[in-house]
N, C-alpha and C. Protein backbone atom coordinates (compact mmCIF):
# COMPACT_ATOMS: atom_id res chain seq x y z
N MET A 1 18.97 6.34 -4.12
CA MET A 1 18.60 7.52 -3.35
C MET A 1 19.84 8.63 -3.06
N LYS A 2 19.76 9.68 -3.50
CA LYS A 2 20.78 10.14 -3.95
C LYS A 2 20.76 11.44 -2.27
N ARG A 3 21.91 11.45 -1.24
CA ARG A 3 21.83 12.10 -0.12
C ARG A 3 22.03 13.75 -0.86
N LEU A 4 21.27 14.39 0.35
CA LEU A 4 21.83 15.86 -0.41
C LEU A 4 23.34 16.33 0.83
N PRO A 5 23.88 17.46 0.13
CA PRO A 5 25.77 17.65 1.07
C PRO A 5 25.09 18.16 2.46
N PHE A 6 25.76 17.27 3.10
CA PHE A 6 26.12 18.38 4.59
C PHE A 6 26.31 19.38 4.86
N GLU A 7 25.36 20.71 5.35
CA GLU A 7 25.82 22.00 5.62
C GLU A 7 25.71 22.19 6.79
N PRO A 8 26.96 22.20 7.41
CA PRO A 8 27.12 22.90 8.75
C PRO A 8 25.92 23.42 9.64
N PRO A 9 25.19 23.52 10.65
CA PRO A 9 23.59 24.36 11.12
C PRO A 9 24.64 25.76 11.69
N THR A 10 26.05 26.12 11.74
CA THR A 10 26.52 27.49 12.00
C THR A 10 28.16 27.24 11.49
N LYS A 11 28.03 28.60 11.46
CA LYS A 11 29.64 28.76 10.97
C LYS A 11 31.02 28.63 12.50
N HIS A 12 30.28 29.28 13.16
CA HIS A 12 30.94 29.47 14.32
C HIS A 12 31.35 27.69 15.36
N TYR A 13 32.77 27.80 15.62
CA TYR A 13 33.53 26.54 15.96
C TYR A 13 34.47 27.28 16.95
N ASP A 14 34.16 26.59 18.60
CA ASP A 14 35.28 27.44 19.50
C ASP A 14 36.73 26.55 19.55
N GLN A 15 37.51 26.99 19.02
CA GLN A 15 38.99 26.06 19.10
C GLN A 15 39.05 25.57 20.40
N GLN A 16 38.66 26.40 21.60
CA GLN A 16 38.51 25.88 22.77
C GLN A 16 38.47 24.10 22.90
N ILE A 17 37.13 23.86 21.98
CA ILE A 17 36.99 22.54 22.53
C ILE A 17 37.33 21.69 21.56
N GLU A 18 38.03 21.78 20.77
CA GLU A 18 38.47 20.90 20.19
C GLU A 18 39.38 19.76 20.42
N ALA A 19 39.85 19.37 21.72
CA ALA A 19 40.62 18.52 22.07
C ALA A 19 39.69 17.77 22.55
N ILE A 20 38.33 18.66 23.38
CA ILE A 20 37.07 17.28 23.93
C ILE A 20 36.96 16.86 22.76
N ASP A 21 36.41 17.71 21.36
CA ASP A 21 35.50 17.00 20.65
C ASP A 21 36.23 15.67 20.15
N GLU A 22 37.50 15.64 19.79
CA GLU A 22 38.30 14.66 19.66
C GLU A 22 38.39 13.77 20.45
N GLN A 23 38.32 13.87 21.69
CA GLN A 23 38.50 12.73 22.58
C GLN A 23 36.93 12.45 22.65
N ILE A 24 35.74 13.22 22.45
CA ILE A 24 34.16 12.48 22.48
C ILE A 24 34.97 11.27 21.11
N CYS A 25 35.31 12.30 20.27
CA CYS A 25 35.25 10.89 18.94
C CYS A 25 36.16 9.69 19.31
N ASN A 26 37.29 9.63 20.25
CA ASN A 26 38.39 8.75 20.24
C ASN A 26 37.12 7.68 21.52
N LEU A 27 36.53 8.24 22.44
CA LEU A 27 35.31 7.38 23.08
C LEU A 27 34.41 6.59 21.96
N ILE A 28 33.98 7.23 21.41
CA ILE A 28 32.91 6.50 20.81
C ILE A 28 34.10 5.47 19.97
N LYS A 29 34.56 5.95 19.35
CA LYS A 29 35.65 4.57 18.89
C LYS A 29 36.36 3.47 20.09
N GLN A 30 36.26 3.76 21.16
CA GLN A 30 36.59 2.98 22.06
C GLN A 30 35.03 2.27 22.40
N ARG A 31 33.97 2.59 22.22
CA ARG A 31 32.79 1.60 22.95
C ARG A 31 32.97 1.06 21.46
N LYS A 32 32.86 1.32 19.92
CA LYS A 32 32.05 0.52 18.95
C LYS A 32 33.14 -0.80 19.37
N ASP A 33 34.48 -0.39 19.22
CA ASP A 33 35.42 -1.90 19.54
C ASP A 33 35.39 -2.36 20.73
N ILE A 34 35.23 -1.96 21.67
CA ILE A 34 34.72 -3.10 22.54
C ILE A 34 33.46 -3.79 22.73
N SER A 35 31.76 -3.77 22.20
CA SER A 35 31.18 -3.71 21.86
C SER A 35 31.06 -5.01 21.01
N ASN A 36 32.31 -4.77 20.12
CA ASN A 36 32.59 -5.70 19.16
C ASN A 36 31.58 -4.98 18.06
N ASN A 37 30.95 -3.74 17.69
CA ASN A 37 29.70 -3.36 17.34
C ASN A 37 28.37 -3.62 17.49
N THR A 38 28.28 -3.36 18.28
CA THR A 38 26.79 -4.53 18.95
C THR A 38 26.53 -4.01 20.01
N PRO A 39 26.78 -2.54 20.60
CA PRO A 39 26.52 -2.40 21.64
C PRO A 39 25.33 -1.95 22.59
N GLY A 40 23.71 -2.58 21.79
CA GLY A 40 22.61 -2.53 22.39
C GLY A 40 22.43 -0.75 22.65
N PHE A 41 21.63 -1.02 23.63
CA PHE A 41 21.12 0.64 24.70
C PHE A 41 20.80 0.42 25.86
N PRO A 42 21.56 1.60 26.16
CA PRO A 42 21.67 2.01 27.87
C PRO A 42 20.04 1.47 28.28
N THR A 43 19.64 1.50 29.48
CA THR A 43 18.23 0.70 30.11
C THR A 43 18.11 2.19 30.27
N LYS A 44 16.51 2.56 30.75
CA LYS A 44 15.83 3.63 31.08
C LYS A 44 16.25 3.87 31.99
N LYS A 45 16.83 3.14 33.30
CA LYS A 45 16.91 3.37 34.18
C LYS A 45 18.65 4.35 34.14
N LEU A 46 19.33 3.91 33.54
CA LEU A 46 20.86 4.60 32.92
C LEU A 46 20.41 5.97 32.40
N ILE A 47 19.46 5.84 31.57
CA ILE A 47 19.44 6.83 30.77
C ILE A 47 19.31 8.13 31.45
N THR A 48 17.78 7.72 32.76
CA THR A 48 17.44 8.93 34.18
C THR A 48 18.04 9.47 34.23
N ALA A 49 19.79 8.21 35.31
CA ALA A 49 20.25 8.97 35.82
C ALA A 49 21.37 9.67 35.23
N TRP A 50 22.19 9.54 33.85
CA TRP A 50 22.86 9.98 33.32
C TRP A 50 22.35 11.56 33.10
N SER A 51 20.64 11.44 32.78
CA SER A 51 20.53 13.18 32.54
C SER A 51 20.48 13.62 33.89
N GLU A 52 19.95 13.39 34.77
CA GLU A 52 20.18 14.01 36.42
C GLU A 52 22.11 14.38 36.64
N LYS A 53 22.84 12.79 36.42
CA LYS A 53 24.03 13.83 36.83
C LYS A 53 24.84 14.73 35.99
N TYR A 54 24.42 14.34 34.76
CA TYR A 54 25.21 15.42 33.91
C TYR A 54 24.37 16.40 33.54
N SER A 55 23.46 16.72 33.74
CA SER A 55 22.22 18.18 33.23
C SER A 55 21.59 17.91 31.88
N PHE A 56 21.87 16.97 31.02
CA PHE A 56 21.19 16.58 29.88
C PHE A 56 19.68 16.35 30.30
N TYR A 57 18.83 16.27 28.86
CA TYR A 57 17.20 16.01 28.62
C TYR A 57 17.72 14.37 28.34
N GLU A 58 16.54 13.84 29.10
CA GLU A 58 16.52 12.35 28.66
C GLU A 58 16.52 11.93 26.99
N GLY A 59 15.45 13.22 26.33
CA GLY A 59 15.44 12.48 25.32
C GLY A 59 16.63 12.75 24.51
N PHE A 60 17.04 13.75 24.88
CA PHE A 60 18.56 14.28 24.11
C PHE A 60 19.97 13.25 23.67
N LEU A 61 19.66 12.69 25.39
CA LEU A 61 20.25 11.10 25.51
C LEU A 61 20.00 10.36 24.59
N ASN A 62 19.01 9.76 24.87
CA ASN A 62 18.40 8.50 23.53
C ASN A 62 18.55 9.03 22.32
N SER A 63 18.63 10.37 21.90
CA SER A 63 19.14 10.68 20.65
C SER A 63 20.68 10.21 19.97
N VAL A 64 21.26 10.89 21.04
CA VAL A 64 22.44 10.12 21.08
C VAL A 64 22.75 8.62 20.80
N PHE A 65 22.46 8.06 21.89
CA PHE A 65 22.37 6.44 21.45
C PHE A 65 21.78 5.76 20.22
N THR A 66 20.60 6.70 20.22
CA THR A 66 20.25 5.80 18.78
C THR A 66 20.83 5.72 17.72
N ASN A 67 21.49 7.27 17.61
CA ASN A 67 22.16 7.48 16.75
C ASN A 67 23.65 6.45 16.35
N PHE A 68 24.02 6.10 17.52
CA PHE A 68 25.31 5.12 17.70
C PHE A 68 24.70 3.79 17.30
N LEU A 69 23.30 3.48 16.74
CA LEU A 69 22.96 2.12 16.37
C LEU A 69 22.86 2.08 15.21
N ASN A 70 22.63 3.13 14.48
CA ASN A 70 22.53 3.72 13.15
C ASN A 70 23.72 4.15 12.25
N GLU A 71 24.62 3.76 12.40
CA GLU A 71 25.83 4.29 12.05
C GLU A 71 25.88 4.10 10.31
N ASP A 72 25.11 2.54 10.10
CA ASP A 72 25.36 2.37 8.60
C ASP A 72 24.21 3.00 8.09
N MET A 73 23.62 3.96 8.36
CA MET A 73 22.72 4.65 7.67
C MET A 73 23.67 5.82 6.78
N TYR A 74 25.37 6.77 7.33
CA TYR A 74 25.99 7.43 7.17
C TYR A 74 26.87 6.73 6.05
N LYS A 75 26.82 5.46 5.97
CA LYS A 75 27.69 4.86 5.12
C LYS A 75 27.21 5.85 3.73
N PRO A 76 28.40 5.91 3.10
CA PRO A 76 28.20 7.11 1.71
C PRO A 76 27.84 5.65 0.72
N VAL A 77 26.90 6.74 0.25
CA VAL A 77 26.33 5.68 -1.00
C VAL A 77 26.86 5.59 -2.59
N VAL A 78 26.47 4.76 -3.00
CA VAL A 78 27.00 3.98 -4.20
C VAL A 78 25.73 4.94 -5.23
N GLU A 79 26.45 5.87 -6.14
CA GLU A 79 25.96 6.54 -7.34
C GLU A 79 25.82 5.70 -8.71
N PRO A 80 24.82 5.14 -8.66
CA PRO A 80 24.47 4.24 -10.17
C PRO A 80 25.05 4.86 -11.21
N LYS A 81 25.94 4.57 -12.08
CA LYS A 81 26.50 4.57 -13.33
C LYS A 81 26.34 3.12 -14.13
N GLY A 82 26.02 3.84 -15.52
CA GLY A 82 26.26 3.12 -16.88
C GLY A 82 25.00 2.21 -16.67
N PHE A 83 23.81 2.56 -17.15
CA PHE A 83 22.47 2.14 -16.94
C PHE A 83 22.96 1.01 -18.22
N LEU A 84 22.49 -0.83 -17.66
CA LEU A 84 22.79 -2.07 -17.94
C LEU A 84 21.26 -2.61 -18.75
N LYS A 85 20.13 -2.79 -17.89
CA LYS A 85 19.12 -3.09 -18.35
C LYS A 85 17.61 -3.25 -16.85
N ASN A 86 17.01 -3.36 -16.85
CA ASN A 86 16.05 -3.62 -16.40
C ASN A 86 15.62 -5.72 -16.00
N ILE A 87 15.60 -5.54 -14.68
CA ILE A 87 15.30 -6.62 -14.66
C ILE A 87 13.64 -7.23 -13.86
N PRO A 88 12.85 -7.30 -14.64
CA PRO A 88 11.39 -7.76 -14.46
C PRO A 88 11.63 -8.58 -12.87
N ILE A 89 11.23 -8.33 -11.22
CA ILE A 89 11.11 -9.72 -10.68
C ILE A 89 9.73 -9.98 -10.06
N LEU A 90 8.65 -8.89 -10.02
CA LEU A 90 7.42 -9.37 -9.40
C LEU A 90 6.91 -10.61 -8.63
N LYS A 91 7.69 -10.32 -7.58
CA LYS A 91 7.42 -10.84 -6.45
C LYS A 91 6.89 -9.73 -5.29
N SER A 92 6.16 -10.87 -4.41
CA SER A 92 5.05 -10.01 -3.21
C SER A 92 4.80 -10.89 -2.21
N PHE A 93 4.97 -10.03 -1.35
CA PHE A 93 3.76 -10.84 -0.01
C PHE A 93 3.51 -10.33 0.81
N GLU A 94 2.48 -10.71 1.83
CA GLU A 94 2.06 -9.59 2.31
C GLU A 94 1.71 -10.28 4.15
N LYS A 95 1.75 -9.25 5.08
CA LYS A 95 2.55 -9.93 6.31
C LYS A 95 1.65 -8.70 7.42
N ASP A 96 0.95 -8.96 8.69
CA ASP A 96 0.25 -7.85 9.29
C ASP A 96 -0.44 -6.60 8.66
N ASP A 97 -1.41 -7.10 7.27
CA ASP A 97 -2.27 -6.25 6.54
C ASP A 97 -0.99 -5.49 5.79
N VAL A 98 -0.09 -5.72 5.40
CA VAL A 98 0.75 -4.62 4.32
C VAL A 98 1.59 -5.13 3.65
N PHE A 99 1.51 -4.93 2.54
CA PHE A 99 1.78 -5.38 1.49
C PHE A 99 3.51 -4.96 0.57
N TYR A 100 4.05 -6.22 0.80
CA TYR A 100 5.50 -6.15 -0.21
C TYR A 100 5.53 -6.50 -1.03
N SER A 101 6.55 -5.77 -1.98
CA SER A 101 6.58 -6.29 -3.48
C SER A 101 7.89 -5.44 -4.17
N VAL A 102 8.81 -6.42 -4.76
CA VAL A 102 10.00 -5.95 -5.26
C VAL A 102 9.35 -6.05 -7.03
N THR A 103 8.80 -4.74 -7.58
CA THR A 103 9.12 -5.27 -8.75
C THR A 103 9.75 -5.17 -9.95
N PHE A 104 10.69 -4.72 -9.60
CA PHE A 104 12.14 -4.87 -10.44
C PHE A 104 13.06 -4.60 -9.90
N VAL A 105 14.56 -5.08 -10.90
CA VAL A 105 15.82 -4.28 -10.48
C VAL A 105 16.52 -3.96 -11.63
N ARG A 106 16.45 -2.57 -11.18
CA ARG A 106 17.36 -2.04 -12.19
C ARG A 106 18.86 -1.75 -12.08
N GLN A 107 19.77 -2.66 -13.38
CA GLN A 107 20.64 -3.16 -13.26
C GLN A 107 21.70 -2.47 -13.78
N PHE A 108 23.19 -1.55 -13.05
CA PHE A 108 23.94 -0.89 -13.77
C PHE A 108 25.40 -1.25 -13.68
N GLU A 109 26.43 -0.53 -14.32
CA GLU A 109 27.87 -1.48 -14.26
C GLU A 109 28.37 -1.45 -12.87
N ASN A 110 28.11 -0.79 -11.77
CA ASN A 110 28.60 -0.33 -10.58
C ASN A 110 27.90 -1.03 -9.12
N ALA A 111 26.42 -1.29 -9.61
CA ALA A 111 25.41 -1.64 -8.42
C ALA A 111 24.18 -1.60 -9.35
N SER A 112 23.10 -2.13 -8.05
CA SER A 112 22.28 -2.64 -9.07
C SER A 112 21.09 -1.49 -8.12
N VAL A 113 20.07 -1.37 -8.43
CA VAL A 113 19.09 -0.89 -7.33
C VAL A 113 17.27 -1.51 -7.28
N VAL A 114 17.07 -1.69 -6.38
CA VAL A 114 15.59 -3.03 -6.24
C VAL A 114 15.07 -2.40 -5.80
N HIS A 115 13.34 -1.98 -6.70
CA HIS A 115 12.11 -1.35 -6.16
C HIS A 115 11.66 -2.04 -5.89
N PHE A 116 11.60 -0.86 -4.32
CA PHE A 116 10.64 -2.41 -3.37
C PHE A 116 9.84 -1.58 -2.66
N ASN A 117 8.51 -1.79 -2.83
CA ASN A 117 7.03 -0.87 -2.28
C ASN A 117 6.65 -1.52 -1.37
N ILE A 118 6.10 -0.40 -0.27
CA ILE A 118 5.22 -1.43 0.88
C ILE A 118 3.88 -0.53 0.92
N ASP A 119 3.10 -1.30 0.73
CA ASP A 119 1.48 -0.44 0.40
C ASP A 119 0.61 -1.24 2.12
N ARG A 120 0.81 -0.06 2.27
CA ARG A 120 -0.09 -0.57 3.94
C ARG A 120 -1.87 0.98 3.93
N GLN A 121 -2.40 0.68 4.52
CA GLN A 121 -3.66 1.69 5.14
C GLN A 121 -3.42 2.09 6.71
N ASP A 122 -3.06 3.16 6.32
CA ASP A 122 -2.84 4.03 7.66
C ASP A 122 -4.49 4.45 8.41
N SER A 123 -4.34 4.29 9.53
CA SER A 123 -5.40 4.70 10.52
C SER A 123 -4.94 6.12 11.13
N ASP A 124 -6.22 6.66 11.41
CA ASP A 124 -5.45 7.92 12.23
C ASP A 124 -5.10 7.86 12.94
N ASP A 125 -5.10 6.84 14.33
CA ASP A 125 -5.11 7.15 15.30
C ASP A 125 -2.97 6.81 15.94
N GLU A 126 -2.88 6.36 14.55
CA GLU A 126 -1.71 5.39 14.47
C GLU A 126 -0.59 6.86 14.71
N VAL A 127 0.65 6.18 15.48
CA VAL A 127 2.08 7.07 15.35
C VAL A 127 2.30 7.53 14.08
N PRO A 128 2.71 8.46 13.80
CA PRO A 128 3.08 8.46 12.15
C PRO A 128 3.95 7.42 11.64
N ARG A 129 4.23 6.96 10.04
CA ARG A 129 4.83 5.56 9.91
C ARG A 129 6.44 6.01 10.13
N ARG A 130 6.46 7.45 9.87
CA ARG A 130 8.16 7.33 9.28
C ARG A 130 8.36 7.60 10.51
N ILE A 131 7.83 7.12 12.13
CA ILE A 131 8.62 7.62 13.07
C ILE A 131 8.54 5.98 13.56
N LYS A 132 7.80 4.94 13.60
CA LYS A 132 7.98 3.96 13.74
C LYS A 132 8.47 2.70 12.62
N GLU A 133 7.98 3.07 11.74
CA GLU A 133 8.93 2.27 10.99
C GLU A 133 10.46 2.24 10.25
N PRO A 134 10.91 1.54 9.69
CA PRO A 134 12.37 1.38 9.67
C PRO A 134 12.31 2.10 8.25
N ILE A 135 13.84 2.98 8.28
CA ILE A 135 13.59 3.40 6.87
C ILE A 135 14.85 3.03 6.14
N LEU A 136 15.79 1.93 6.56
CA LEU A 136 16.49 0.83 5.75
C LEU A 136 15.98 -0.47 5.40
N PHE A 137 16.33 -1.30 4.94
CA PHE A 137 16.05 -2.29 4.59
C PHE A 137 17.70 -3.24 4.46
N ASP A 138 17.30 -4.33 4.65
CA ASP A 138 18.55 -5.41 4.23
C ASP A 138 18.29 -6.78 3.67
N LEU A 139 19.04 -6.69 2.41
CA LEU A 139 18.52 -7.23 1.27
C LEU A 139 18.91 -8.70 1.72
N TYR A 140 18.79 -9.89 1.79
CA TYR A 140 18.87 -11.22 2.18
C TYR A 140 18.38 -12.14 1.13
């Protein structure tokens, strides 16, 4: 899946905050190192306390800490090159009324692309799938 190039949402940048932004990056790196890249998530009580103490919305802080858990989503994506062949797999299983299948793998010189399908019946009263279901899967 090819990502769209990132475009900053504004052209304005106040140079006076550059040192602070670098400190934020340094603190994020420290957090990652100290936690051995397994930080978990602050409790609701901590989020509430910090939102009051620093005048942030709780939803904003939840979003910030959620992004720390999703760093892998931002890894550069390998662009497959040099198609070699399709390998039929045709494996499937069903769990909790959801049908998962891997139909084939497309093999390239520098990567393989697994074609993974998820089929399920949506109900009208559910939280939308894009909110509650993962968007990345690990292959093992």
